Amino acid sequence: ESLVNGTGLTLDLADAGSIDALFEDIKQAGHEPLVLVNNAGIARDNIVLRMKDEEWDEVINTNLSSLFRLTKKSLRAMTKARWGRVINLT
């Protein structure tokens, strides 16, 4: 699938290596990310006393850590181009 013209991609946001591979693919295709839409989010509805550590980690990794990693990887190209947009949906 082409990485040009606003193509959406799916990846494992809990895996930092998956994010690194995505940006390597983008770079090898000769493109730079100038617009990033962070739209991932999960919920593990449970009271704190019943919530498992693994459930908490899944929520934090998907909703917060992935947003940080993707934004950080995108900012270099945006800064270099002196233009860019990061859109965070919650």
PDB file of N, CA and C in Angstrom:
ATOM      1  N   GLU A   1       0.843  -1.181   0.000  1.00  0.00           N
ATOM      2  CA  GLU A   1       0.000   0.000   0.000  1.00  0.00           C
ATOM      3  C   GLU A   1       0.891   1.248   0.000  1.00  0.00           C
ATOM      4  N   SER A   2       0.515   2.225  -0.735  1.00  0.00           N
ATOM      5  CA  SER A   2       1.295   3.451  -0.860  1.00  0.00           C
ATOM      6  C   SER A   2       1.246   4.277   0.415  1.00  0.00           C
ATOM      7  N   LEU A   3       2.325   4.974   0.708  1.00  0.00           N
ATOM      8  CA  LEU A   3       2.381   5.863   1.862  1.00  0.00           C
ATOM      9  C   LEU A   3       2.125   7.309   1.460  1.00  0.00           C
ATOM     10  N   VAL A   4       1.653   7.523   0.258  1.00  0.00           N
ATOM     11  CA  VAL A   4       1.490   8.875  -0.284  1.00  0.00           C
ATOM     12  C   VAL A   4       0.020   9.275  -0.239  1.00  0.00           C
ATOM     13  N   ASN A   5      -0.213  10.570  -0.218  1.00  0.00           N
ATOM     14  CA  ASN A   5      -1.558  11.135  -0.330  1.00  0.00           C
ATOM     15  C   ASN A   5      -2.488  10.760   0.810  1.00  0.00           C
ATOM     16  N   GLY A   6      -1.990  10.786   2.027  1.00  0.00           N
ATOM     17  CA  GLY A   6      -2.856  10.610   3.179  1.00  0.00           C
ATOM     18  C   GLY A   6      -3.331   9.196   3.439  1.00  0.00           C
ATOM     19  N   THR A   7      -2.568   8.219   3.051  1.00  0.00           N
ATOM     20  CA  THR A   7      -2.943   6.833   3.295  1.00  0.00           C
ATOM     21  C   THR A   7      -2.918   6.542   4.791  1.00  0.00           C
ATOM     22  N   GLY A   8      -3.962   5.903   5.284  1.00  0.00           N
ATOM     23  CA  GLY A   8      -3.985   5.491   6.684  1.00  0.00           C
ATOM     24  C   GLY A   8      -3.280   4.156   6.842  1.00  0.00           C
ATOM     25  N   LEU A   9      -2.636   3.968   7.958  1.00  0.00           N
ATOM     26  CA  LEU A   9      -1.914   2.730   8.218  1.00  0.00           C
ATOM     27  C   LEU A   9      -2.310   2.178   9.577  1.00  0.00           C
ATOM     28  N   THR A  10      -2.185   0.881   9.725  1.00  0.00           N
ATOM     29  CA  THR A  10      -2.485   0.217  10.984  1.00  0.00           C
ATOM     30  C   THR A  10      -1.202  -0.380  11.533  1.00  0.00           C
ATOM     31  N   LEU A  11      -0.969  -0.205  12.844  1.00  0.00           N
ATOM     32  CA  LEU A  11       0.216  -0.787  13.457  1.00  0.00           C
ATOM     33  C   LEU A  11      -0.060  -1.088  14.912  1.00  0.00           C
ATOM     34  N   ASP A  12       0.827  -1.838  15.535  1.00  0.00           N
ATOM     35  CA  ASP A  12       0.707  -2.184  16.950  1.00  0.00           C
ATOM     36  C   ASP A  12       1.309  -1.059  17.778  1.00  0.00           C
ATOM     37  N   LEU A  13       0.458  -0.206  18.322  1.00  0.00           N
ATOM     38  CA  LEU A  13       0.925   0.968  19.048  1.00  0.00           C
ATOM     39  C   LEU A  13       1.600   0.628  20.373  1.00  0.00           C
ATOM     40  N   ALA A  14       1.329  -0.531  20.914  1.00  0.00           N
ATOM     41  CA  ALA A  14       1.962  -0.926  22.167  1.00  0.00           C
ATOM     42  C   ALA A  14       3.404  -1.360  21.955  1.00  0.00           C
ATOM     43  N   ASP A  15       3.796  -1.549  20.709  1.00  0.00           N
ATOM     44  CA  ASP A  15       5.134  -2.024  20.360  1.00  0.00           C
ATOM     45  C   ASP A  15       5.954  -0.879  19.770  1.00  0.00           C
ATOM     46  N   ALA A  16       6.931  -0.389  20.526  1.00  0.00           N
ATOM     47  CA  ALA A  16       7.776   0.715  20.052  1.00  0.00           C
ATOM     48  C   ALA A  16       8.503   0.333  18.764  1.00  0.00           C
ATOM     49  N   GLY A  17       8.846  -0.928  18.607  1.00  0.00           N
ATOM     50  CA  GLY A  17       9.515  -1.392  17.390  1.00  0.00           C
ATOM     51  C   GLY A  17       8.631  -1.254  16.167  1.00  0.00           C
ATOM     52  N   SER A  18       7.337  -1.440  16.340  1.00  0.00           N
ATOM     53  CA  SER A  18       6.386  -1.279  15.244  1.00  0.00           C
ATOM     54  C   SER A  18       6.348   0.174  14.786  1.00  0.00           C
ATOM     55  N   ILE A  19       6.405   1.086  15.726  1.00  0.00           N
ATOM     56  CA  ILE A  19       6.418   2.522  15.409  1.00  0.00           C
ATOM     57  C   ILE A  19       7.719   2.882  14.697  1.00  0.00           C
ATOM     58  N   ASP A  20       8.840   2.374  15.202  1.00  0.00           N
ATOM     59  CA  ASP A  20      10.131   2.626  14.546  1.00  0.00           C
ATOM     60  C   ASP A  20      10.132   2.110  13.113  1.00  0.00           C
ATOM     61  N   ALA A  21       9.575   0.909  12.902  1.00  0.00           N
ATOM     62  CA  ALA A  21       9.521   0.325  11.559  1.00  0.00           C
ATOM     63  C   ALA A  21       8.657   1.166  10.625  1.00  0.00           C
ATOM     64  N   LEU A  22       7.564   1.688  11.133  1.00  0.00           N
ATOM     65  CA  LEU A  22       6.695   2.546  10.323  1.00  0.00           C
ATOM     66  C   LEU A  22       7.465   3.757   9.824  1.00  0.00           C
ATOM     67  N   PHE A  23       8.180   4.432  10.712  1.00  0.00           N
ATOM     68  CA  PHE A  23       8.897   5.634  10.318  1.00  0.00           C
ATOM     69  C   PHE A  23      10.074   5.323   9.400  1.00  0.00           C
ATOM     70  N   GLU A  24      10.659   4.154   9.542  1.00  0.00           N
ATOM     71  CA  GLU A  24      11.717   3.734   8.617  1.00  0.00           C
ATOM     72  C   GLU A  24      11.127   3.504   7.227  1.00  0.00           C
ATOM     73  N   ASP A  25       9.951   2.883   7.160  1.00  0.00           N
ATOM     74  CA  ASP A  25       9.276   2.674   5.869  1.00  0.00           C
ATOM     75  C   ASP A  25       8.938   4.008   5.207  1.00  0.00           C
ATOM     76  N   ILE A  26       8.459   4.945   5.987  1.00  0.00           N
ATOM     77  CA  ILE A  26       8.126   6.272   5.458  1.00  0.00           C
ATOM     78  C   ILE A  26       9.373   6.947   4.897  1.00  0.00           C
ATOM     79  N   LYS A  27      10.460   6.868   5.649  1.00  0.00           N
ATOM     80  CA  LYS A  27      11.721   7.484   5.226  1.00  0.00           C
ATOM     81  C   LYS A  27      12.252   6.823   3.945  1.00  0.00           C
ATOM     82  N   GLN A  28      12.222   5.505   3.886  1.00  0.00           N
ATOM     83  CA  GLN A  28      12.711   4.784   2.711  1.00  0.00           C
ATOM     84  C   GLN A  28      11.872   5.088   1.473  1.00  0.00           C
ATOM     85  N   ALA A  29      10.607   5.414   1.683  1.00  0.00           N
ATOM     86  CA  ALA A  29       9.740   5.776   0.559  1.00  0.00           C
ATOM     87  C   ALA A  29       9.984   7.208   0.103  1.00  0.00           C
ATOM     88  N   GLY A  30      10.872   7.927   0.825  1.00  0.00           N
ATOM     89  CA  GLY A  30      11.214   9.292   0.444  1.00  0.00           C
ATOM     90  C   GLY A  30      10.218  10.336   0.914  1.00  0.00           C
ATOM     91  N   HIS A  31       9.483  10.023   1.952  1.00  0.00           N
ATOM     92  CA  HIS A  31       8.473  10.946   2.462  1.00  0.00           C
ATOM     93  C   HIS A  31       8.800  11.364   3.887  1.00  0.00           C
ATOM     94  N   GLU A  32       8.185  12.450   4.306  1.00  0.00           N
ATOM     95  CA  GLU A  32       8.322  12.938   5.674  1.00  0.00           C
ATOM     96  C   GLU A  32       6.920  13.182   6.223  1.00  0.00           C
ATOM     97  N   PRO A  33       6.657  12.784   7.468  1.00  0.00           N
ATOM     98  CA  PRO A  33       5.335  13.024   8.047  1.00  0.00           C
ATOM     99  C   PRO A  33       5.174  14.501   8.433  1.00  0.00           C
ATOM    100  N   LEU A  34       4.200  15.153   7.852  1.00  0.00           N
ATOM    101  CA  LEU A  34       3.914  16.546   8.182  1.00  0.00           C
ATOM    102  C   LEU A  34       2.568  16.706   8.879  1.00  0.00           C
ATOM    103  N   VAL A  35       1.742  15.677   8.832  1.00  0.00           N
ATOM    104  CA  VAL A  35       0.470  15.671   9.547  1.00  0.00           C
ATOM    105  C   VAL A  35       0.344  14.333  10.269  1.00  0.00           C
ATOM    106  N   LEU A  36       0.056  14.405  11.555  1.00  0.00           N
ATOM    107  CA  LEU A  36      -0.134  13.204  12.366  1.00  0.00           C
ATOM    108  C   LEU A  36      -1.476  13.312  13.065  1.00  0.00           C
ATOM    109  N   VAL A  37      -2.300  12.288  12.918  1.00  0.00           N
ATOM    110  CA  VAL A  37      -3.573  12.217  13.638  1.00  0.00           C
ATOM    111  C   VAL A  37      -3.477  11.045  14.614  1.00  0.00           C
ATOM    112  N   ASN A  38      -3.422  11.378  15.897  1.00  0.00           N
ATOM    113  CA  ASN A  38      -3.425  10.359  16.944  1.00  0.00           C
ATOM    114  C   ASN A  38      -4.876  10.095  17.318  1.00  0.00           C
ATOM    115  N   ASN A  39      -5.366   8.904  16.939  1.00  0.00           N
ATOM    116  CA  ASN A  39      -6.777   8.595  17.116  1.00  0.00           C
ATOM    117  C   ASN A  39      -6.981   7.274  17.845  1.00  0.00           C
ATOM    118  N   ALA A  40      -5.939   6.709  18.408  1.00  0.00           N
ATOM    119  CA  ALA A  40      -6.056   5.412  19.068  1.00  0.00           C
ATOM    120  C   ALA A  40      -6.462   5.592  20.521  1.00  0.00           C
ATOM    121  N   GLY A  41      -7.243   4.680  21.005  1.00  0.00           N
ATOM    122  CA  GLY A  41      -7.611   4.703  22.411  1.00  0.00           C
ATOM    123  C   GLY A  41      -8.365   3.446  22.782  1.00  0.00           C
ATOM    124  N   ILE A  42      -8.096   2.966  23.985  1.00  0.00           N
ATOM    125  CA  ILE A  42      -8.813   1.812  24.493  1.00  0.00           C
ATOM    126  C   ILE A  42      -9.276   2.116  25.908  1.00  0.00           C
ATOM    127  N   ALA A  43     -10.242   1.361  26.383  1.00  0.00           N
ATOM    128  CA  ALA A  43     -10.709   1.466  27.766  1.00  0.00           C
ATOM    129  C   ALA A  43     -10.797   0.058  28.342  1.00  0.00           C
ATOM    130  N   ARG A  44     -10.431  -0.062  29.546  1.00  0.00           N
ATOM    131  CA  ARG A  44     -10.596  -1.300  30.311  1.00  0.00           C
ATOM    132  C   ARG A  44     -11.414  -0.908  31.537  1.00  0.00           C
ATOM    133  N   ASP A  45     -12.699  -0.799  31.337  1.00  0.00           N
ATOM    134  CA  ASP A  45     -13.584  -0.338  32.410  1.00  0.00           C
ATOM    135  C   ASP A  45     -13.639  -1.361  33.540  1.00  0.00           C
ATOM    136  N   ASN A  46     -13.181  -0.918  34.673  1.00  0.00           N
ATOM    137  CA  ASN A  46     -13.162  -1.769  35.845  1.00  0.00           C
ATOM    138  C   ASN A  46     -12.897  -0.875  37.051  1.00  0.00           C
ATOM    139  N   ILE A  47     -13.344  -1.284  38.208  1.00  0.00           N
ATOM    140  CA  ILE A  47     -12.982  -0.522  39.393  1.00  0.00           C
ATOM    141  C   ILE A  47     -11.527  -0.831  39.714  1.00  0.00           C
ATOM    142  N   VAL A  48     -10.878   0.106  40.352  1.00  0.00           N
ATOM    143  CA  VAL A  48      -9.439  -0.016  40.601  1.00  0.00           C
ATOM    144  C   VAL A  48      -9.102  -1.291  41.368  1.00  0.00           C
ATOM    145  N   LEU A  49      -9.936  -1.667  42.296  1.00  0.00           N
ATOM    146  CA  LEU A  49      -9.648  -2.861  43.094  1.00  0.00           C
ATOM    147  C   LEU A  49      -9.628  -4.137  42.261  1.00  0.00           C
ATOM    148  N   ARG A  50     -10.334  -4.133  41.120  1.00  0.00           N
ATOM    149  CA  ARG A  50     -10.384  -5.322  40.261  1.00  0.00           C
ATOM    150  C   ARG A  50      -9.482  -5.228  39.039  1.00  0.00           C
ATOM    151  N   MET A  51      -8.982  -4.051  38.757  1.00  0.00           N
ATOM    152  CA  MET A  51      -8.159  -3.870  37.562  1.00  0.00           C
ATOM    153  C   MET A  51      -6.792  -4.529  37.756  1.00  0.00           C
ATOM    154  N   LYS A  52      -6.399  -5.280  36.747  1.00  0.00           N
ATOM    155  CA  LYS A  52      -5.096  -5.942  36.776  1.00  0.00           C
ATOM    156  C   LYS A  52      -4.031  -4.978  36.262  1.00  0.00           C
ATOM    157  N   ASP A  53      -2.811  -5.167  36.703  1.00  0.00           N
ATOM    158  CA  ASP A  53      -1.703  -4.325  36.247  1.00  0.00           C
ATOM    159  C   ASP A  53      -1.573  -4.366  34.725  1.00  0.00           C
ATOM    160  N   GLU A  54      -1.795  -5.530  34.120  1.00  0.00           N
ATOM    161  CA  GLU A  54      -1.681  -5.675  32.670  1.00  0.00           C
ATOM    162  C   GLU A  54      -2.713  -4.808  31.945  1.00  0.00           C
ATOM    163  N   GLU A  55      -3.932  -4.728  32.509  1.00  0.00           N
ATOM    164  CA  GLU A  55      -4.973  -3.895  31.907  1.00  0.00           C
ATOM    165  C   GLU A  55      -4.580  -2.419  31.970  1.00  0.00           C
ATOM    166  N   TRP A  56      -4.068  -1.999  33.111  1.00  0.00           N
ATOM    167  CA  TRP A  56      -3.619  -0.618  33.274  1.00  0.00           C
ATOM    168  C   TRP A  56      -2.508  -0.302  32.275  1.00  0.00           C
ATOM    169  N   ASP A  57      -1.542  -1.205  32.157  1.00  0.00           N
ATOM    170  CA  ASP A  57      -0.431  -1.005  31.225  1.00  0.00           C
ATOM    171  C   ASP A  57      -0.911  -0.910  29.782  1.00  0.00           C
ATOM    172  N   GLU A  58      -1.897  -1.722  29.389  1.00  0.00           N
ATOM    173  CA  GLU A  58      -2.450  -1.658  28.032  1.00  0.00           C
ATOM    174  C   GLU A  58      -3.055  -0.288  27.745  1.00  0.00           C
ATOM    175  N   VAL A  59      -3.809   0.235  28.704  1.00  0.00           N
ATOM    176  CA  VAL A  59      -4.449   1.543  28.528  1.00  0.00           C
ATOM    177  C   VAL A  59      -3.400   2.638  28.412  1.00  0.00           C
ATOM    178  N   ILE A  60      -2.425   2.646  29.299  1.00  0.00           N
ATOM    179  CA  ILE A  60      -1.384   3.683  29.290  1.00  0.00           C
ATOM    180  C   ILE A  60      -0.545   3.591  28.028  1.00  0.00           C
ATOM    181  N   ASN A  61      -0.153   2.377  27.625  1.00  0.00           N
ATOM    182  CA  ASN A  61       0.672   2.212  26.421  1.00  0.00           C
ATOM    183  C   ASN A  61      -0.058   2.647  25.166  1.00  0.00           C
ATOM    184  N   THR A  62      -1.337   2.320  25.065  1.00  0.00           N
ATOM    185  CA  THR A  62      -2.102   2.665  23.868  1.00  0.00           C
ATOM    186  C   THR A  62      -2.490   4.139  23.853  1.00  0.00           C
ATOM    187  N   ASN A  63      -3.007   4.644  24.963  1.00  0.00           N
ATOM    188  CA  ASN A  63      -3.570   5.994  24.989  1.00  0.00           C
ATOM    189  C   ASN A  63      -2.533   7.096  25.187  1.00  0.00           C
ATOM    190  N   LEU A  64      -1.447   6.811  25.875  1.00  0.00           N
ATOM    191  CA  LEU A  64      -0.471   7.864  26.176  1.00  0.00           C
ATOM    192  C   LEU A  64       0.907   7.614  25.573  1.00  0.00           C
ATOM    193  N   SER A  65       1.490   6.466  25.825  1.00  0.00           N
ATOM    194  CA  SER A  65       2.859   6.216  25.359  1.00  0.00           C
ATOM    195  C   SER A  65       2.955   6.238  23.839  1.00  0.00           C
ATOM    196  N   SER A  66       1.965   5.681  23.165  1.00  0.00           N
ATOM    197  CA  SER A  66       2.010   5.682  21.699  1.00  0.00           C
ATOM    198  C   SER A  66       1.894   7.098  21.151  1.00  0.00           C
ATOM    199  N   LEU A  67       1.053   7.921  21.760  1.00  0.00           N
ATOM    200  CA  LEU A  67       0.914   9.318  21.350  1.00  0.00           C
ATOM    201  C   LEU A  67       2.269  10.031  21.474  1.00  0.00           C
ATOM    202  N   PHE A  68       2.951   9.819  22.588  1.00  0.00           N
ATOM    203  CA  PHE A  68       4.274  10.407  22.807  1.00  0.00           C
ATOM    204  C   PHE A  68       5.269   9.946  21.744  1.00  0.00           C
ATOM    205  N   ARG A  69       5.329   8.623  21.506  1.00  0.00           N
ATOM    206  CA  ARG A  69       6.306   8.081  20.550  1.00  0.00           C
ATOM    207  C   ARG A  69       6.054   8.573  19.127  1.00  0.00           C
ATOM    208  N   LEU A  70       4.787   8.533  18.700  1.00  0.00           N
ATOM    209  CA  LEU A  70       4.455   8.957  17.338  1.00  0.00           C
ATOM    210  C   LEU A  70       4.714  10.449  17.145  1.00  0.00           C
ATOM    211  N   THR A  71       4.337  11.251  18.120  1.00  0.00           N
ATOM    212  CA  THR A  71       4.548  12.700  18.021  1.00  0.00           C
ATOM    213  C   THR A  71       6.036  13.017  17.989  1.00  0.00           C
ATOM    214  N   LYS A  72       6.789  12.395  18.871  1.00  0.00           N
ATOM    215  CA  LYS A  72       8.237  12.627  18.925  1.00  0.00           C
ATOM    216  C   LYS A  72       8.904  12.279  17.597  1.00  0.00           C
ATOM    217  N   LYS A  73       8.517  11.141  17.006  1.00  0.00           N
ATOM    218  CA  LYS A  73       9.097  10.726  15.724  1.00  0.00           C
ATOM    219  C   LYS A  73       8.714  11.683  14.596  1.00  0.00           C
ATOM    220  N   SER A  74       7.541  12.284  14.676  1.00  0.00           N
ATOM    221  CA  SER A  74       7.055  13.170  13.607  1.00  0.00           C
ATOM    222  C   SER A  74       7.636  14.576  13.684  1.00  0.00           C
ATOM    223  N   LEU A  75       7.996  15.033  14.863  1.00  0.00           N
ATOM    224  CA  LEU A  75       8.388  16.427  15.047  1.00  0.00           C
ATOM    225  C   LEU A  75       9.660  16.826  14.311  1.00  0.00           C
ATOM    226  N   ARG A  76      10.582  15.920  14.124  1.00  0.00           N
ATOM    227  CA  ARG A  76      11.825  16.269  13.417  1.00  0.00           C
ATOM    228  C   ARG A  76      11.524  16.738  11.994  1.00  0.00           C
ATOM    229  N   ALA A  77      10.704  15.982  11.273  1.00  0.00           N
ATOM    230  CA  ALA A  77      10.352  16.353   9.892  1.00  0.00           C
ATOM    231  C   ALA A  77       9.547  17.647   9.867  1.00  0.00           C
ATOM    232  N   MET A  78       8.649  17.804  10.818  1.00  0.00           N
ATOM    233  CA  MET A  78       7.829  19.012  10.864  1.00  0.00           C
ATOM    234  C   MET A  78       8.678  20.249  11.162  1.00  0.00           C
ATOM    235  N   THR A  79       9.614  20.089  12.067  1.00  0.00           N
ATOM    236  CA  THR A  79      10.516  21.200  12.401  1.00  0.00           C
ATOM    237  C   THR A  79      11.385  21.555  11.201  1.00  0.00           C
ATOM    238  N   LYS A  80      11.916  20.544  10.538  1.00  0.00           N
ATOM    239  CA  LYS A  80      12.752  20.767   9.348  1.00  0.00           C
ATOM    240  C   LYS A  80      11.960  21.475   8.252  1.00  0.00           C
ATOM    241  N   ALA A  81      10.719  21.091   8.064  1.00  0.00           N
ATOM    242  CA  ALA A  81       9.869  21.694   7.027  1.00  0.00           C
ATOM    243  C   ALA A  81       9.291  23.045   7.482  1.00  0.00           C
ATOM    244  N   ARG A  82       9.441  23.341   8.756  1.00  0.00           N
ATOM    245  CA  ARG A  82       8.885  24.556   9.354  1.00  0.00           C
ATOM    246  C   ARG A  82       7.368  24.619   9.190  1.00  0.00           C
ATOM    247  N   TRP A  83       6.769  23.430   9.174  1.00  0.00           N
ATOM    248  CA  TRP A  83       5.319  23.309   9.068  1.00  0.00           C
ATOM    249  C   TRP A  83       4.928  21.903   9.476  1.00  0.00           C
ATOM    250  N   GLY A  84       3.820  21.774  10.137  1.00  0.00           N
ATOM    251  CA  GLY A  84       3.306  20.469  10.489  1.00  0.00           C
ATOM    252  C   GLY A  84       2.097  20.594  11.385  1.00  0.00           C
ATOM    253  N   ARG A  85       1.378  19.520  11.508  1.00  0.00           N
ATOM    254  CA  ARG A  85       0.187  19.486  12.357  1.00  0.00           C
ATOM    255  C   ARG A  85       0.130  18.174  13.101  1.00  0.00           C
ATOM    256  N   VAL A  86      -0.159  18.252  14.400  1.00  0.00           N
ATOM    257  CA  VAL A  86      -0.438  17.078  15.217  1.00  0.00           C
ATOM    258  C   VAL A  86      -1.840  17.251  15.759  1.00  0.00           C
ATOM    259  N   ILE A  87      -2.701  16.297  15.452  1.00  0.00           N
ATOM    260  CA  ILE A  87      -4.094  16.345  15.881  1.00  0.00           C
ATOM    261  C   ILE A  87      -4.310  15.168  16.832  1.00  0.00           C
ATOM    262  N   ASN A  88      -4.678  15.467  18.074  1.00  0.00           N
ATOM    263  CA  ASN A  88      -4.923  14.445  19.078  1.00  0.00           C
ATOM    264  C   ASN A  88      -6.418  14.362  19.356  1.00  0.00           C
ATOM    265  N   LEU A  89      -6.983  13.189  19.151  1.00  0.00           N
ATOM    266  CA  LEU A  89      -8.409  12.948  19.434  1.00  0.00           C
ATOM    267  C   LEU A  89      -8.509  12.091  20.687  1.00  0.00           C
ATOM    268  N   THR A  90      -9.438  12.428  21.533  1.00  0.00           N
ATOM    269  CA  THR A  90      -9.611  11.648  22.758  1.00  0.00           C
ATOM    270  C   THR A  90     -11.030  11.143  22.871  1.00  0.00           C
TER     271      THR A  90
END
